[in-house]
């Protein structure tokens, strides 16, 4: 997946706004010319493009940047590894190595 599809920055949000405004203007122009239904295939294509982009905008918070994805991977790996230390299986504390409290 390309970086542009993984994140949704301000520039992409502005583009989506422009697409919505352009669709509204096109609908108004076709309505004024009495061609709204005759141009249904064109409108279906425009609506489909915008619907796809709206979907990406809506779920943008589920996309991770490469840095965030790497951080999530590190945390997941750490959670899968057994913890070493006092409770590690098979470990018996040496009384001489215990800290004095």
PDB file of N, CA and C in Angstrom:
ATOM      1  N   UNK A   1       0.847  -1.177   0.000  1.00  0.00           N
ATOM      2  CA  UNK A   1       0.000   0.000   0.000  1.00  0.00           C
ATOM      3  C   UNK A   1       0.890   1.237   0.000  1.00  0.00           C
ATOM      4  N   UNK A   2       0.572   2.193  -0.809  1.00  0.00           N
ATOM      5  CA  UNK A   2       1.359   3.423  -0.905  1.00  0.00           C
ATOM      6  C   UNK A   2       1.173   4.269   0.337  1.00  0.00           C
ATOM      7  N   UNK A   3       2.176   5.096   0.652  1.00  0.00           N
ATOM      8  CA  UNK A   3       2.080   5.952   1.831  1.00  0.00           C
ATOM      9  C   UNK A   3       0.852   6.829   1.809  1.00  0.00           C
ATOM     10  N   UNK A   4       0.456   7.323   0.634  1.00  0.00           N
ATOM     11  CA  UNK A   4      -0.730   8.170   0.528  1.00  0.00           C
ATOM     12  C   UNK A   4      -2.001   7.461   0.939  1.00  0.00           C
ATOM     13  N   UNK A   5      -2.016   6.143   0.834  1.00  0.00           N
ATOM     14  CA  UNK A   5      -3.187   5.388   1.240  1.00  0.00           C
ATOM     15  C   UNK A   5      -3.132   5.030   2.719  1.00  0.00           C
ATOM     16  N   UNK A   6      -1.945   5.085   3.337  1.00  0.00           N
ATOM     17  CA  UNK A   6      -1.804   4.708   4.728  1.00  0.00           C
ATOM     18  C   UNK A   6      -2.154   5.843   5.678  1.00  0.00           C
ATOM     19  N   UNK A   7      -1.964   7.057   5.247  1.00  0.00           N
ATOM     20  CA  UNK A   7      -2.240   8.193   6.115  1.00  0.00           C
ATOM     21  C   UNK A   7      -3.233   9.123   5.431  1.00  0.00           C
ATOM     22  N   UNK A   8      -3.865   9.935   6.228  1.00  0.00           N
ATOM     23  CA  UNK A   8      -4.822  10.893   5.682  1.00  0.00           C
ATOM     24  C   UNK A   8      -4.458  12.254   6.246  1.00  0.00           C
ATOM     25  N   UNK A   9      -3.643  12.997   5.498  1.00  0.00           N
ATOM     26  CA  UNK A   9      -3.160  14.277   5.978  1.00  0.00           C
ATOM     27  C   UNK A   9      -4.126  15.409   5.614  1.00  0.00           C
ATOM     28  N   UNK A  10      -3.788  16.612   6.034  1.00  0.00           N
ATOM     29  CA  UNK A  10      -4.649  17.780   5.789  1.00  0.00           C
ATOM     30  C   UNK A  10      -4.844  18.057   4.303  1.00  0.00           C
ATOM     31  N   UNK A  11      -3.809  17.854   3.510  1.00  0.00           N
ATOM     32  CA  UNK A  11      -3.923  18.115   2.064  1.00  0.00           C
ATOM     33  C   UNK A  11      -4.945  17.166   1.434  1.00  0.00           C
ATOM     34  N   UNK A  12      -4.918  15.916   1.852  1.00  0.00           N
ATOM     35  CA  UNK A  12      -5.874  14.953   1.307  1.00  0.00           C
ATOM     36  C   UNK A  12      -7.290  15.279   1.778  1.00  0.00           C
ATOM     37  N   UNK A  13      -7.439  15.751   2.996  1.00  0.00           N
ATOM     38  CA  UNK A  13      -8.759  16.144   3.499  1.00  0.00           C
ATOM     39  C   UNK A  13      -9.295  17.337   2.706  1.00  0.00           C
ATOM     40  N   UNK A  14      -8.435  18.306   2.397  1.00  0.00           N
ATOM     41  CA  UNK A  14      -8.870  19.462   1.599  1.00  0.00           C
ATOM     42  C   UNK A  14      -9.306  19.010   0.205  1.00  0.00           C
ATOM     43  N   UNK A  15      -8.593  18.050  -0.364  1.00  0.00           N
ATOM     44  CA  UNK A  15      -8.962  17.522  -1.675  1.00  0.00           C
ATOM     45  C   UNK A  15     -10.342  16.869  -1.623  1.00  0.00           C
ATOM     46  N   UNK A  16     -10.624  16.133  -0.581  1.00  0.00           N
ATOM     47  CA  UNK A  16     -11.942  15.517  -0.421  1.00  0.00           C
ATOM     48  C   UNK A  16     -13.022  16.587  -0.331  1.00  0.00           C
ATOM     49  N   UNK A  17     -12.770  17.638   0.409  1.00  0.00           N
ATOM     50  CA  UNK A  17     -13.737  18.739   0.486  1.00  0.00           C
ATOM     51  C   UNK A  17     -13.990  19.333  -0.894  1.00  0.00           C
ATOM     52  N   UNK A  18     -12.933  19.522  -1.671  1.00  0.00           N
ATOM     53  CA  UNK A  18     -13.076  20.065  -3.022  1.00  0.00           C
ATOM     54  C   UNK A  18     -13.879  19.120  -3.911  1.00  0.00           C
ATOM     55  N   UNK A  19     -13.666  17.824  -3.755  1.00  0.00           N
ATOM     56  CA  UNK A  19     -14.428  16.843  -4.532  1.00  0.00           C
ATOM     57  C   UNK A  19     -15.923  16.932  -4.201  1.00  0.00           C
ATOM     58  N   UNK A  20     -16.244  17.075  -2.935  1.00  0.00           N
ATOM     59  CA  UNK A  20     -17.649  17.172  -2.527  1.00  0.00           C
ATOM     60  C   UNK A  20     -18.301  18.437  -3.066  1.00  0.00           C
ATOM     61  N   UNK A  21     -17.586  19.548  -2.993  1.00  0.00           N
ATOM     62  CA  UNK A  21     -18.112  20.812  -3.514  1.00  0.00           C
ATOM     63  C   UNK A  21     -18.292  20.718  -5.029  1.00  0.00           C
ATOM     64  N   UNK A  22     -17.323  20.127  -5.727  1.00  0.00           N
ATOM     65  CA  UNK A  22     -17.424  19.978  -7.177  1.00  0.00           C
ATOM     66  C   UNK A  22     -18.626  19.113  -7.562  1.00  0.00           C
ATOM     67  N   UNK A  23     -18.872  18.055  -6.791  1.00  0.00           N
ATOM     68  CA  UNK A  23     -20.044  17.211  -7.051  1.00  0.00           C
ATOM     69  C   UNK A  23     -21.333  18.007  -6.869  1.00  0.00           C
ATOM     70  N   UNK A  24     -21.400  18.770  -5.796  1.00  0.00           N
ATOM     71  CA  UNK A  24     -22.599  19.585  -5.553  1.00  0.00           C
ATOM     72  C   UNK A  24     -22.820  20.588  -6.682  1.00  0.00           C
ATOM     73  N   UNK A  25     -21.737  21.228  -7.118  1.00  0.00           N
ATOM     74  CA  UNK A  25     -21.852  22.194  -8.213  1.00  0.00           C
ATOM     75  C   UNK A  25     -22.276  21.517  -9.511  1.00  0.00           C
ATOM     76  N   UNK A  26     -21.747  20.322  -9.766  1.00  0.00           N
ATOM     77  CA  UNK A  26     -22.100  19.602 -10.987  1.00  0.00           C
ATOM     78  C   UNK A  26     -23.573  19.198 -10.961  1.00  0.00           C
ATOM     79  N   UNK A  27     -24.040  18.751  -9.816  1.00  0.00           N
ATOM     80  CA  UNK A  27     -25.461  18.385  -9.681  1.00  0.00           C
ATOM     81  C   UNK A  27     -26.342  19.605  -9.929  1.00  0.00           C
ATOM     82  N   UNK A  28     -25.965  20.751  -9.366  1.00  0.00           N
ATOM     83  CA  UNK A  28     -26.745  21.967  -9.573  1.00  0.00           C
ATOM     84  C   UNK A  28     -26.743  22.387 -11.039  1.00  0.00           C
ATOM     85  N   UNK A  29     -25.597  22.291 -11.685  1.00  0.00           N
ATOM     86  CA  UNK A  29     -25.506  22.683 -13.100  1.00  0.00           C
ATOM     87  C   UNK A  29     -26.355  21.761 -13.972  1.00  0.00           C
ATOM     88  N   UNK A  30     -26.278  20.465 -13.720  1.00  0.00           N
ATOM     89  CA  UNK A  30     -27.089  19.526 -14.501  1.00  0.00           C
ATOM     90  C   UNK A  30     -28.578  19.720 -14.232  1.00  0.00           C
ATOM     91  N   UNK A  31     -28.924  20.010 -13.000  1.00  0.00           N
ATOM     92  CA  UNK A  31     -30.336  20.254 -12.662  1.00  0.00           C
ATOM     93  C   UNK A  31     -30.834  21.504 -13.378  1.00  0.00           C
ATOM     94  N   UNK A  32     -30.017  22.556 -13.396  1.00  0.00           N
ATOM     95  CA  UNK A  32     -30.415  23.800 -14.061  1.00  0.00           C
ATOM     96  C   UNK A  32     -30.584  23.598 -15.563  1.00  0.00           C
ATOM     97  N   UNK A  33     -29.794  22.693 -16.140  1.00  0.00           N
ATOM     98  CA  UNK A  33     -29.873  22.429 -17.578  1.00  0.00           C
ATOM     99  C   UNK A  33     -30.918  21.358 -17.900  1.00  0.00           C
ATOM    100  N   UNK A  34     -31.555  20.807 -16.871  1.00  0.00           N
ATOM    101  CA  UNK A  34     -32.555  19.766 -17.089  1.00  0.00           C
ATOM    102  C   UNK A  34     -31.955  18.445 -17.550  1.00  0.00           C
ATOM    103  N   UNK A  35     -30.701  18.188 -17.204  1.00  0.00           N
ATOM    104  CA  UNK A  35     -30.010  16.981 -17.650  1.00  0.00           C
ATOM    105  C   UNK A  35     -29.618  16.058 -16.498  1.00  0.00           C
ATOM    106  N   UNK A  36     -30.193  16.241 -15.362  1.00  0.00           N
ATOM    107  CA  UNK A  36     -29.774  15.498 -14.177  1.00  0.00           C
ATOM    108  C   UNK A  36     -29.862  13.985 -14.375  1.00  0.00           C
ATOM    109  N   UNK A  37     -31.007  13.513 -14.829  1.00  0.00           N
ATOM    110  CA  UNK A  37     -31.170  12.069 -14.998  1.00  0.00           C
ATOM    111  C   UNK A  37     -30.473  11.539 -16.244  1.00  0.00           C
ATOM    112  N   UNK A  38     -30.384  12.364 -17.268  1.00  0.00           N
ATOM    113  CA  UNK A  38     -29.692  11.929 -18.481  1.00  0.00           C
ATOM    114  C   UNK A  38     -28.208  11.704 -18.231  1.00  0.00           C
ATOM    115  N   UNK A  39     -27.660  12.375 -17.256  1.00  0.00           N
ATOM    116  CA  UNK A  39     -26.222  12.264 -16.952  1.00  0.00           C
ATOM    117  C   UNK A  39     -25.964  11.352 -15.752  1.00  0.00           C
ATOM    118  N   UNK A  40     -26.895  10.440 -15.498  1.00  0.00           N
ATOM    119  CA  UNK A  40     -26.769   9.525 -14.353  1.00  0.00           C
ATOM    120  C   UNK A  40     -25.450   8.745 -14.351  1.00  0.00           C
ATOM    121  N   UNK A  41     -24.980   8.204 -15.504  1.00  0.00           N
ATOM    122  CA  UNK A  41     -23.700   7.472 -15.460  1.00  0.00           C
ATOM    123  C   UNK A  41     -22.529   8.333 -14.972  1.00  0.00           C
ATOM    124  N   UNK A  42     -22.496   9.575 -15.407  1.00  0.00           N
ATOM    125  CA  UNK A  42     -21.437  10.486 -14.949  1.00  0.00           C
ATOM    126  C   UNK A  42     -21.535  10.700 -13.447  1.00  0.00           C
ATOM    127  N   UNK A  43     -22.755  10.922 -12.972  1.00  0.00           N
ATOM    128  CA  UNK A  43     -22.943  11.157 -11.541  1.00  0.00           C
ATOM    129  C   UNK A  43     -22.596   9.916 -10.726  1.00  0.00           C
ATOM    130  N   UNK A  44     -22.935   8.735 -11.240  1.00  0.00           N
ATOM    131  CA  UNK A  44     -22.604   7.495 -10.539  1.00  0.00           C
ATOM    132  C   UNK A  44     -21.084   7.338 -10.404  1.00  0.00           C
ATOM    133  N   UNK A  45     -20.348   7.692 -11.446  1.00  0.00           N
ATOM    134  CA  UNK A  45     -18.890   7.609 -11.382  1.00  0.00           C
ATOM    135  C   UNK A  45     -18.344   8.587 -10.340  1.00  0.00           C
ATOM    136  N   UNK A  46     -18.846   9.814 -10.374  1.00  0.00           N
ATOM    137  CA  UNK A  46     -18.384  10.821  -9.414  1.00  0.00           C
ATOM    138  C   UNK A  46     -18.717  10.417  -7.985  1.00  0.00           C
ATOM    139  N   UNK A  47     -19.929   9.946  -7.786  1.00  0.00           N
ATOM    140  CA  UNK A  47     -20.357   9.523  -6.451  1.00  0.00           C
ATOM    141  C   UNK A  47     -19.504   8.345  -5.984  1.00  0.00           C
ATOM    142  N   UNK A  48     -19.194   7.410  -6.885  1.00  0.00           N
ATOM    143  CA  UNK A  48     -18.352   6.266  -6.529  1.00  0.00           C
ATOM    144  C   UNK A  48     -16.960   6.686  -6.095  1.00  0.00           C
ATOM    145  N   UNK A  49     -16.367   7.621  -6.834  1.00  0.00           N
ATOM    146  CA  UNK A  49     -15.035   8.115  -6.468  1.00  0.00           C
ATOM    147  C   UNK A  49     -15.062   8.773  -5.093  1.00  0.00           C
ATOM    148  N   UNK A  50     -16.079   9.580  -4.871  1.00  0.00           N
ATOM    149  CA  UNK A  50     -16.178  10.295  -3.600  1.00  0.00           C
ATOM    150  C   UNK A  50     -16.499   9.325  -2.465  1.00  0.00           C
ATOM    151  N   UNK A  51     -17.340   8.348  -2.738  1.00  0.00           N
ATOM    152  CA  UNK A  51     -17.669   7.353  -1.715  1.00  0.00           C
ATOM    153  C   UNK A  51     -16.412   6.620  -1.260  1.00  0.00           C
ATOM    154  N   UNK A  52     -15.568   6.243  -2.196  1.00  0.00           N
ATOM    155  CA  UNK A  52     -14.314   5.565  -1.862  1.00  0.00           C
ATOM    156  C   UNK A  52     -13.420   6.454  -1.005  1.00  0.00           C
ATOM    157  N   UNK A  53     -13.306   7.706  -1.395  1.00  0.00           N
ATOM    158  CA  UNK A  53     -12.459   8.634  -0.651  1.00  0.00           C
ATOM    159  C   UNK A  53     -13.047   8.924   0.729  1.00  0.00           C
ATOM    160  N   UNK A  54     -14.369   9.019   0.831  1.00  0.00           N
ATOM    161  CA  UNK A  54     -15.009   9.211   2.135  1.00  0.00           C
ATOM    162  C   UNK A  54     -14.743   8.024   3.050  1.00  0.00           C
ATOM    163  N   UNK A  55     -14.757   6.825   2.493  1.00  0.00           N
ATOM    164  CA  UNK A  55     -14.450   5.636   3.288  1.00  0.00           C
ATOM    165  C   UNK A  55     -13.038   5.737   3.860  1.00  0.00           C
ATOM    166  N   UNK A  56     -12.064   6.101   3.019  1.00  0.00           N
ATOM    167  CA  UNK A  56     -10.687   6.241   3.496  1.00  0.00           C
ATOM    168  C   UNK A  56     -10.580   7.312   4.571  1.00  0.00           C
ATOM    169  N   UNK A  57     -11.323   8.381   4.404  1.00  0.00           N
ATOM    170  CA  UNK A  57     -11.308   9.445   5.411  1.00  0.00           C
ATOM    171  C   UNK A  57     -11.888   8.941   6.728  1.00  0.00           C
ATOM    172  N   UNK A  58     -12.996   8.210   6.639  1.00  0.00           N
ATOM    173  CA  UNK A  58     -13.681   7.728   7.844  1.00  0.00           C
ATOM    174  C   UNK A  58     -12.814   6.775   8.654  1.00  0.00           C
ATOM    175  N   UNK A  59     -12.050   5.934   7.989  1.00  0.00           N
ATOM    176  CA  UNK A  59     -11.252   4.938   8.709  1.00  0.00           C
ATOM    177  C   UNK A  59      -9.788   5.348   8.847  1.00  0.00           C
ATOM    178  N   UNK A  60      -9.488   6.590   8.601  1.00  0.00           N
ATOM    179  CA  UNK A  60      -8.093   7.036   8.607  1.00  0.00           C
ATOM    180  C   UNK A  60      -7.399   6.764   9.928  1.00  0.00           C
ATOM    181  N   UNK A  61      -8.133   6.758  11.030  1.00  0.00           N
ATOM    182  CA  UNK A  61      -7.475   6.563  12.320  1.00  0.00           C
ATOM    183  C   UNK A  61      -6.971   5.142  12.498  1.00  0.00           C
ATOM    184  N   UNK A  62      -7.412   4.222  11.660  1.00  0.00           N
ATOM    185  CA  UNK A  62      -6.913   2.856  11.775  1.00  0.00           C
ATOM    186  C   UNK A  62      -5.617   2.670  11.003  1.00  0.00           C
ATOM    187  N   UNK A  63      -5.256   3.621  10.157  1.00  0.00           N
ATOM    188  CA  UNK A  63      -4.014   3.522   9.411  1.00  0.00           C
ATOM    189  C   UNK A  63      -2.856   3.955  10.308  1.00  0.00           C
ATOM    190  N   UNK A  64      -1.768   3.243  10.220  1.00  0.00           N
ATOM    191  CA  UNK A  64      -0.578   3.592  10.984  1.00  0.00           C
ATOM    192  C   UNK A  64       0.507   4.096  10.041  1.00  0.00           C
ATOM    193  N   UNK A  65       1.227   5.088  10.497  1.00  0.00           N
ATOM    194  CA  UNK A  65       2.421   5.493   9.768  1.00  0.00           C
ATOM    195  C   UNK A  65       3.445   4.376   9.944  1.00  0.00           C
ATOM    196  N   UNK A  66       4.469   4.327   9.113  1.00  0.00           N
ATOM    197  CA  UNK A  66       5.489   3.279   9.295  1.00  0.00           C
ATOM    198  C   UNK A  66       6.109   3.297  10.694  1.00  0.00           C
ATOM    199  N   UNK A  67       6.297   4.480  11.269  1.00  0.00           N
ATOM    200  CA  UNK A  67       6.878   4.579  12.607  1.00  0.00           C
ATOM    201  C   UNK A  67       5.941   3.991  13.655  1.00  0.00           C
ATOM    202  N   UNK A  68       4.653   4.311  13.568  1.00  0.00           N
ATOM    203  CA  UNK A  68       3.682   3.784  14.528  1.00  0.00           C
ATOM    204  C   UNK A  68       3.559   2.273  14.374  1.00  0.00           C
ATOM    205  N   UNK A  69       3.550   1.783  13.153  1.00  0.00           N
ATOM    206  CA  UNK A  69       3.470   0.338  12.922  1.00  0.00           C
ATOM    207  C   UNK A  69       4.667  -0.371  13.541  1.00  0.00           C
ATOM    208  N   UNK A  70       5.860   0.200  13.398  1.00  0.00           N
ATOM    209  CA  UNK A  70       7.056  -0.400  13.993  1.00  0.00           C
ATOM    210  C   UNK A  70       6.965  -0.398  15.516  1.00  0.00           C
ATOM    211  N   UNK A  71       6.480   0.699  16.097  1.00  0.00           N
ATOM    212  CA  UNK A  71       6.322   0.751  17.551  1.00  0.00           C
ATOM    213  C   UNK A  71       5.327  -0.299  18.029  1.00  0.00           C
ATOM    214  N   UNK A  72       4.227  -0.474  17.314  1.00  0.00           N
ATOM    215  CA  UNK A  72       3.254  -1.502  17.681  1.00  0.00           C
ATOM    216  C   UNK A  72       3.873  -2.898  17.589  1.00  0.00           C
ATOM    217  N   UNK A  73       4.693  -3.132  16.575  1.00  0.00           N
ATOM    218  CA  UNK A  73       5.340  -4.427  16.429  1.00  0.00           C
ATOM    219  C   UNK A  73       6.284  -4.704  17.595  1.00  0.00           C
ATOM    220  N   UNK A  74       7.058  -3.703  17.999  1.00  0.00           N
ATOM    221  CA  UNK A  74       7.993  -3.865  19.113  1.00  0.00           C
ATOM    222  C   UNK A  74       7.241  -4.208  20.393  1.00  0.00           C
ATOM    223  N   UNK A  75       6.161  -3.508  20.656  1.00  0.00           N
ATOM    224  CA  UNK A  75       5.369  -3.765  21.862  1.00  0.00           C
ATOM    225  C   UNK A  75       4.764  -5.168  21.818  1.00  0.00           C
ATOM    226  N   UNK A  76       4.217  -5.551  20.663  1.00  0.00           N
ATOM    227  CA  UNK A  76       3.624  -6.883  20.530  1.00  0.00           C
ATOM    228  C   UNK A  76       4.674  -7.964  20.738  1.00  0.00           C
ATOM    229  N   UNK A  77       5.876  -7.780  20.177  1.00  0.00           N
ATOM    230  CA  UNK A  77       6.952  -8.754  20.372  1.00  0.00           C
ATOM    231  C   UNK A  77       7.325  -8.854  21.846  1.00  0.00           C
ATOM    232  N   UNK A  78       7.412  -7.725  22.513  1.00  0.00           N
ATOM    233  CA  UNK A  78       7.771  -7.723  23.929  1.00  0.00           C
ATOM    234  C   UNK A  78       6.697  -8.411  24.769  1.00  0.00           C
ATOM    235  N   UNK A  79       5.449  -8.257  24.400  1.00  0.00           N
ATOM    236  CA  UNK A  79       4.375  -8.886  25.155  1.00  0.00           C
ATOM    237  C   UNK A  79       4.345 -10.397  24.959  1.00  0.00           C
ATOM    238  N   UNK A  80       4.850 -10.886  23.835  1.00  0.00           N
ATOM    239  CA  UNK A  80       4.872 -12.327  23.576  1.00  0.00           C
ATOM    240  C   UNK A  80       6.026 -13.024  24.289  1.00  0.00           C
ATOM    241  N   UNK A  81       7.100 -12.311  24.595  1.00  0.00           N
ATOM    242  CA  UNK A  81       8.266 -12.907  25.239  1.00  0.00           C
ATOM    243  C   UNK A  81       8.011 -13.064  26.733  1.00  0.00           C
ATOM    244  N   UNK A  82       8.410 -14.220  27.299  1.00  0.00           N
ATOM    245  CA  UNK A  82       8.248 -14.378  28.752  1.00  0.00           C
ATOM    246  C   UNK A  82       9.169 -13.404  29.480  1.00  0.00           C
ATOM    247  N   UNK A  83       8.669 -12.905  30.591  1.00  0.00           N
ATOM    248  CA  UNK A  83       9.468 -11.968  31.371  1.00  0.00           C
ATOM    249  C   UNK A  83      10.546 -12.714  32.134  1.00  0.00           C
ATOM    250  N   UNK A  84      11.736 -12.192  32.104  1.00  0.00           N
ATOM    251  CA  UNK A  84      12.824 -12.756  32.894  1.00  0.00           C
ATOM    252  C   UNK A  84      12.831 -12.061  34.251  1.00  0.00           C
ATOM    253  N   UNK A  85      13.325 -12.730  35.231  1.00  0.00           N
ATOM    254  CA  UNK A  85      13.416 -12.084  36.530  1.00  0.00           C
ATOM    255  C   UNK A  85      12.960 -13.006  37.637  1.00  0.00           C
ATOM    256  N   UNK A  86      12.414 -12.456  38.684  1.00  0.00           N
ATOM    257  CA  UNK A  86      12.039 -13.203  39.881  1.00  0.00           C
ATOM    258  C   UNK A  86      11.064 -14.336  39.577  1.00  0.00           C
ATOM    259  N   UNK A  87      10.131 -14.122  38.665  1.00  0.00           N
ATOM    260  CA  UNK A  87       9.098 -15.115  38.417  1.00  0.00           C
ATOM    261  C   UNK A  87       9.378 -15.998  37.209  1.00  0.00           C
ATOM    262  N   UNK A  88      10.576 -15.938  36.664  1.00  0.00           N
ATOM    263  CA  UNK A  88      10.875 -16.748  35.492  1.00  0.00           C
ATOM    264  C   UNK A  88      10.863 -18.225  35.872  1.00  0.00           C
ATOM    265  N   UNK A  89      10.247 -19.081  35.042  1.00  0.00           N
ATOM    266  CA  UNK A  89      10.198 -20.506  35.361  1.00  0.00           C
ATOM    267  C   UNK A  89      11.597 -21.111  35.450  1.00  0.00           C
ATOM    268  N   UNK A  90      11.786 -21.972  36.438  1.00  0.00           N
ATOM    269  CA  UNK A  90      13.068 -22.640  36.592  1.00  0.00           C
ATOM    270  C   UNK A  90      14.141 -21.799  37.254  1.00  0.00           C
ATOM    271  N   UNK A  91      13.820 -20.627  37.688  1.00  0.00           N
ATOM    272  CA  UNK A  91      14.816 -19.745  38.308  1.00  0.00           C
ATOM    273  C   UNK A  91      14.694 -19.846  39.818  1.00  0.00           C
ATOM    274  N   UNK A  92      15.808 -20.070  40.452  1.00  0.00           N
ATOM    275  CA  UNK A  92      15.838 -20.115  41.912  1.00  0.00           C
ATOM    276  C   UNK A  92      16.780 -19.033  42.383  1.00  0.00           C
ATOM    277  N   UNK A  93      16.294 -18.173  43.260  1.00  0.00           N
ATOM    278  CA  UNK A  93      17.170 -17.074  43.699  1.00  0.00           C
ATOM    279  C   UNK A  93      18.346 -17.599  44.524  1.00  0.00           C
ATOM    280  N   UNK A  94      19.495 -16.991  44.308  1.00  0.00           N
ATOM    281  CA  UNK A  94      20.688 -17.278  45.096  1.00  0.00           C
ATOM    282  C   UNK A  94      20.671 -16.313  46.278  1.00  0.00           C
ATOM    283  N   UNK A  95      20.633 -16.826  47.483  1.00  0.00           N
ATOM    284  CA  UNK A  95      20.554 -15.931  48.660  1.00  0.00           C
ATOM    285  C   UNK A  95      21.680 -14.911  48.719  1.00  0.00           C
ATOM    286  N   UNK A  96      22.824 -15.240  48.162  1.00  0.00           N
ATOM    287  CA  UNK A  96      23.943 -14.297  48.200  1.00  0.00           C
ATOM    288  C   UNK A  96      23.791 -13.170  47.169  1.00  0.00           C
ATOM    289  N   UNK A  97      22.962 -13.383  46.145  1.00  0.00           N
ATOM    290  CA  UNK A  97      22.769 -12.378  45.110  1.00  0.00           C
ATOM    291  C   UNK A  97      21.579 -11.478  45.380  1.00  0.00           C
ATOM    292  N   UNK A  98      20.777 -11.821  46.384  1.00  0.00           N
ATOM    293  CA  UNK A  98      19.601 -10.997  46.684  1.00  0.00           C
ATOM    294  C   UNK A  98      20.022  -9.663  47.270  1.00  0.00           C
ATOM    295  N   UNK A  99      19.331  -8.614  46.866  1.00  0.00           N
ATOM    296  CA  UNK A  99      19.656  -7.310  47.461  1.00  0.00           C
ATOM    297  C   UNK A  99      19.191  -7.265  48.908  1.00  0.00           C
ATOM    298  N   UNK A 100      19.904  -6.563  49.713  1.00  0.00           N
ATOM    299  CA  UNK A 100      19.527  -6.371  51.119  1.00  0.00           C
ATOM    300  C   UNK A 100      18.575  -5.188  51.214  1.00  0.00           C
ATOM    301  N   UNK A 101      17.397  -5.415  51.762  1.00  0.00           N
ATOM    302  CA  UNK A 101      16.435  -4.318  51.923  1.00  0.00           C
ATOM    303  C   UNK A 101      16.229  -3.995  53.322  1.00  0.00           C
TER     304      UNK A 101
END
